[in-house]
Protein backbone atom coordinates (compact mmCIF):
# COMPACT_ATOMS: atom_id res chain seq x y z
CA UNK A 1 0.06 -0.30 0.09
CA UNK A 2 1.47 3.11 -0.86
CA UNK A 3 2.44 5.78 1.73
CA UNK A 4 -0.48 8.09 3.12
CA UNK A 5 -1.01 10.08 5.91
CA UNK A 6 -3.06 8.06 8.87
CA UNK A 7 -5.64 9.72 11.03
CA UNK A 8 -4.85 10.49 14.17
CA UNK A 9 -6.80 8.69 16.88
CA UNK A 10 -9.28 10.85 18.40
CA UNK A 11 -11.71 10.58 21.25
CA UNK A 12 -14.48 11.85 18.77
CA UNK A 13 -14.95 10.95 15.18
CA UNK A 14 -13.69 13.58 12.62
CA UNK A 15 -15.66 12.07 9.82
CA UNK A 16 -19.42 12.43 11.22
CA UNK A 17 -21.90 10.11 9.91
CA UNK A 18 -24.28 12.51 7.83
CA UNK A 19 -26.91 9.39 6.75
CA UNK A 20 -27.45 6.67 9.01
CA UNK A 21 -27.24 3.11 7.77
CA UNK A 22 -27.76 1.48 11.40
CA UNK A 23 -28.51 2.44 14.74
CA UNK A 24 -27.66 0.59 18.16
CA UNK A 25 -26.59 0.71 21.18
CA UNK A 26 -23.74 -0.88 23.14
CA UNK A 27 -24.12 -2.15 26.72
CA UNK A 28 -21.77 -2.99 29.14
CA UNK A 29 -18.76 -3.64 27.24
CA UNK A 30 -15.50 -5.76 28.36
CA UNK A 31 -12.45 -4.74 26.44
CA UNK A 32 -9.55 -7.18 26.54
CA UNK A 33 -6.48 -6.79 24.51
CA UNK A 34 -3.38 -8.73 23.56
CA UNK A 35 -0.26 -7.07 22.04
CA UNK A 36 0.84 -9.16 18.64
CA UNK A 37 3.39 -8.55 16.10
CA UNK A 38 1.90 -7.33 13.05
CA UNK A 39 3.20 -10.00 10.49
CA UNK A 40 0.97 -12.46 12.61
CA UNK A 41 -2.37 -10.63 12.13
CA UNK A 42 -1.47 -9.12 8.49
CA UNK A 43 -2.77 -12.31 6.64
CA UNK A 44 -6.50 -11.61 8.36
CA UNK A 45 -7.14 -8.38 6.95
CA UNK A 46 -9.23 -7.75 3.93
CA UNK A 47 -6.94 -6.47 0.42
CA UNK A 48 -5.85 -3.03 0.95
CA UNK A 49 -5.81 -2.80 4.19
CA UNK A 50 -2.50 -3.59 6.51
CA UNK A 51 -2.36 -4.00 10.54
CA UNK A 52 -2.82 -0.48 12.56
CA UNK A 53 0.06 -0.55 14.98
CA UNK A 54 1.13 1.68 18.45
CA UNK A 55 4.92 1.46 19.20
CA UNK A 56 5.53 -1.27 16.62
CA UNK A 57 2.75 -3.82 17.37
CA UNK A 58 -0.82 -4.36 16.68
CA UNK A 59 -3.81 -5.90 19.08
CA UNK A 60 -6.00 -8.85 19.17
CA UNK A 61 -9.50 -7.47 20.88
CA UNK A 62 -12.02 -9.93 22.54
CA UNK A 63 -15.25 -8.03 23.35
CA UNK A 64 -18.43 -8.91 25.08
CA UNK A 65 -21.54 -6.53 25.18
CA UNK A 66 -25.16 -6.45 24.94
CA UNK A 67 -26.22 -5.41 21.67
CA UNK A 68 -29.56 -3.05 22.34
CA UNK A 69 -32.13 -2.16 19.69
CA UNK A 70 -30.25 -2.69 16.40
CA UNK A 71 -32.38 -1.07 13.35
CA UNK A 72 -32.45 0.55 10.16
CA UNK A 73 -31.59 4.27 9.28
CA UNK A 74 -32.79 6.52 12.47
CA UNK A 75 -34.31 4.09 14.48
CA UNK A 76 -35.96 3.58 16.84
CA UNK A 77 -34.58 0.00 16.74
CA UNK A 78 -35.99 -3.60 17.62
CA UNK A 79 -36.85 -3.71 21.01
CA UNK A 80 -36.79 -8.07 20.59
CA UNK A 81 -34.97 -9.05 17.33
CA UNK A 82 -32.47 -5.83 17.86
CA UNK A 83 -31.15 -6.36 21.30
CA UNK A 84 -29.08 -9.26 22.03
CA UNK A 85 -25.46 -10.46 23.61
CA UNK A 86 -22.53 -10.35 21.25
CA UNK A 87 -18.89 -11.28 21.56
CA UNK A 88 -16.47 -10.32 18.93
CA UNK A 89 -12.90 -11.02 18.39
CA UNK A 90 -11.56 -8.17 16.17
CA UNK A 91 -7.91 -6.60 14.74
CA UNK A 92 -6.97 -3.18 14.10
CA UNK A 93 -6.45 -1.74 9.97
CA UNK A 94 -5.71 1.20 8.29
CA UNK A 95 -6.98 1.46 4.36
CA UNK A 96 -5.41 3.76 1.77
CA UNK A 97 -6.96 6.59 2.57
CA UNK A 98 -5.62 6.67 6.21
CA UNK A 99 -9.06 5.21 7.97
CA UNK A 100 -8.31 3.42 11.10
CA UNK A 101 -10.99 0.85 11.34
CA UNK A 102 -11.35 -2.55 13.25
CA UNK A 103 -11.93 -5.75 10.94
CA UNK A 104 -13.68 -8.52 12.88
CA UNK A 105 -12.71 -12.65 12.24
CA UNK A 106 -15.98 -13.50 14.35
CA UNK A 107 -19.02 -12.10 16.22
CA UNK A 108 -20.96 -14.54 17.89
CA UNK A 109 -24.17 -13.67 18.51
CA UNK A 110 -27.92 -14.97 20.18
CA UNK A 111 -30.00 -13.82 17.34
CA UNK A 112 -30.62 -15.95 14.52
CA UNK A 113 -32.07 -13.09 11.95
CA UNK A 114 -29.56 -10.34 12.47
CA UNK A 115 -26.52 -12.98 12.15
CA UNK A 116 -28.25 -14.31 8.44
CA UNK A 117 -28.74 -10.66 7.73
CA UNK A 118 -25.08 -9.12 8.49
CA UNK A 119 -23.48 -12.41 6.61
CA UNK A 120 -25.65 -11.69 3.78
CA UNK A 121 -25.31 -8.28 3.30
CA UNK A 122 -22.08 -7.13 4.18
CA UNK A 123 -20.03 -10.71 4.11
CA UNK A 124 -19.34 -10.14 8.13
CA UNK A 125 -18.68 -13.26 9.73
CA UNK A 126 -21.30 -13.47 12.13
CA UNK A 127 -21.97 -16.69 14.10
CA UNK A 128 -25.34 -17.64 15.69
CA UNK A 129 -24.61 -18.58 19.50
CA UNK A 130 -26.39 -19.53 22.94
CA UNK A 131 -25.34 -16.64 24.96
CA UNK A 132 -25.89 -14.94 28.24
CA UNK A 133 -24.84 -11.83 29.95
CA UNK A 134 -24.79 -11.40 34.08
CA UNK A 135 -23.90 -8.41 36.11
CA UNK A 136 -23.84 -8.95 39.97
CA UNK A 137 -23.01 -6.05 41.56
CA UNK A 138 -19.49 -4.90 40.23
CA UNK A 139 -18.76 -7.91 39.00
CA UNK A 140 -20.14 -8.43 35.08
CA UNK A 141 -20.10 -12.01 33.43
CA UNK A 142 -20.42 -13.48 29.79
CA UNK A 143 -20.78 -16.51 28.59
CA UNK A 144 -20.65 -18.02 24.80
CA UNK A 145 -21.46 -21.25 22.83
CA UNK A 146 -20.99 -21.04 19.22
CA UNK A 147 -24.30 -22.68 17.22
CA UNK A 148 -23.57 -22.29 13.84
CA UNK A 149 -22.01 -22.03 11.35
CA UNK A 150 -18.23 -23.26 12.51
CA UNK A 151 -15.54 -23.73 13.00
CA UNK A 152 -16.41 -25.29 16.71
CA UNK A 153 -15.98 -25.42 19.11
CA UNK A 154 -16.18 -21.65 20.14
CA UNK A 155 -16.63 -20.48 23.20
CA UNK A 156 -16.13 -17.73 25.75
CA UNK A 157 -16.47 -17.37 29.40
CA UNK A 158 -15.13 -14.51 31.09
CA UNK A 159 -15.75 -12.32 34.04
CA UNK A 160 -14.24 -8.90 34.99
CA UNK A 161 -14.41 -6.54 38.16
CA UNK A 162 -15.59 -2.81 37.16
CA UNK A 163 -13.17 -0.47 38.85
CA UNK A 164 -12.68 3.41 38.76
CA UNK A 165 -13.55 5.49 35.98
CA UNK A 166 -10.80 6.45 33.54
CA UNK A 167 -10.18 9.99 33.70
CA UNK A 168 -7.82 10.37 30.73
CA UNK A 169 -7.35 7.39 28.72
CA UNK A 170 -3.60 6.33 27.80
CA UNK A 171 -2.76 5.97 24.61
CA UNK A 172 -3.30 2.53 23.92
CA UNK A 173 -6.65 2.62 25.98
CA UNK A 174 -7.66 5.38 22.93
CA UNK A 175 -5.83 3.16 20.22
CA UNK A 176 -8.10 -0.05 20.82
CA UNK A 177 -11.44 2.12 21.90
CA UNK A 178 -11.38 5.36 19.49
CA UNK A 179 -12.29 3.22 16.20
CA UNK A 180 -14.36 5.40 13.55
CA UNK A 181 -15.22 2.60 10.98
CA UNK A 182 -14.54 -1.27 10.03
CA UNK A 183 -13.45 -3.08 6.77
CA UNK A 184 -14.84 -5.87 5.19
CA UNK A 185 -14.36 -7.88 2.03
CA UNK A 186 -17.56 -8.41 0.33
CA UNK A 187 -18.49 -8.88 -3.28
CA UNK A 188 -15.02 -8.58 -4.17
CA UNK A 189 -14.36 -5.48 -2.76
CA UNK A 190 -13.15 -4.06 0.63
CA UNK A 191 -15.80 -1.58 2.08
CA UNK A 192 -15.05 1.09 4.82
CA UNK A 193 -18.51 1.52 7.14
CA UNK A 194 -17.96 4.54 9.01
CA UNK A 195 -19.82 4.81 12.50
CA UNK A 196 -19.90 7.43 15.09
CA UNK A 197 -20.82 7.70 18.99
CA UNK A 198 -19.99 9.95 21.70
CA UNK A 199 -16.75 9.73 23.57
CA UNK A 200 -16.67 6.12 25.76
CA UNK A 201 -17.12 6.34 29.24
CA UNK A 202 -14.37 3.86 30.23
CA UNK A 203 -13.63 2.34 33.63
CA UNK A 204 -10.49 0.17 34.50
CA UNK A 205 -11.44 -3.43 35.23
CA UNK A 206 -9.99 -6.40 36.34
CA UNK A 207 -10.28 -9.77 34.77
CA UNK A 208 -11.71 -12.74 37.43
CA UNK A 209 -11.84 -15.43 34.81
CA UNK A 210 -11.24 -16.23 31.43
CA UNK A 211 -11.76 -19.57 29.62
CA UNK A 212 -12.03 -18.95 25.78
CA UNK A 213 -11.52 -20.38 22.14
CA UNK A 214 -12.94 -17.85 20.13
CA UNK A 215 -9.64 -16.36 19.25
CA UNK A 216 -8.00 -19.60 18.61
CA UNK A 217 -11.40 -20.61 16.45
CA UNK A 218 -10.65 -17.64 13.97
CA UNK A 219 -6.96 -19.00 13.39
CA UNK A 220 -5.22 -17.25 15.59
CA UNK A 221 -2.67 -18.44 17.98
CA UNK A 222 -3.80 -18.64 21.83
CA UNK A 223 -2.93 -15.62 23.30
CA UNK A 224 0.24 -15.63 25.36
CA UNK A 225 -0.25 -14.32 28.96
CA UNK A 226 -2.58 -11.92 30.46
CA UNK A 227 -4.29 -9.26 28.41
CA UNK A 228 -2.11 -6.11 28.22
CA UNK A 229 -5.64 -3.75 28.59
CA UNK A 230 -8.85 -4.63 30.15
CA UNK A 231 -11.64 -2.06 30.15
CA UNK A 232 -14.96 -1.92 30.87
CA UNK A 233 -18.00 0.79 29.64
CA UNK A 234 -21.36 0.89 30.23
CA UNK A 235 -22.36 1.82 26.52
CA UNK A 236 -23.19 4.43 24.51
CA UNK A 237 -25.48 4.95 21.07
CA UNK A 238 -23.90 4.26 17.94
CA UNK A 239 -24.64 5.03 14.31
CA UNK A 240 -23.24 3.64 11.16
CA UNK A 241 -23.13 5.68 7.65
CA UNK A 242 -23.23 3.88 4.24
CA UNK A 243 -19.98 1.87 3.06
CA UNK A 244 -17.53 3.20 0.74
CA UNK A 245 -15.12 1.40 -1.54
CA UNK A 246 -11.79 1.35 0.35
CA UNK A 247 -9.88 -1.33 -2.19
CA UNK A 248 -10.95 -3.21 -5.34
């Protein structure tokens, strides 16, 4: 990819969504991240993108949360079909226009219809799973077991204890959360799908338990050691704009 100026990591988007294609809310998010060499994740990224890096390394993210009122255009979103638990495995990318984004290797979700719709419309690797999210005081637990399609077994069980609010996120905490789009390969093209939401309310978190095979089911090596970052957020409202071509 030719040399381009990569956009800054900013707590709010510099590219506001002018016309909503999708609306949703993300609630009760746990962000777990491991540092990896860029060459480890490069083969998993769509054509026209390269690994995004911070201080020479890239990251693998494991994010559990509750999707709330997913809907088309300006909402208001669906109360039942649009509300479900989700856990995704994601990487960090930059395209030829210098736009930072995420690339999903898997998105396990508890509602079959949104899974099928995302697979067909944007070729996103959604999977149908049996899932649960339970809050008990300052402890949040996430469980998932993939139903369809494979690869299987693909399970996740993790628990975090929510701590103090983050007054000023570190460069790493900004890097892995302040993401204003996703890259996906669909219909012979690499697409960029922009998103917009308010600044993240972030909290420190302690990882109490982790039993996961979603990362290895996605084809990545098993994480080496504990995550380098564990965060929690109560959530934000999100809007996605229309996709545009990042590369052919």
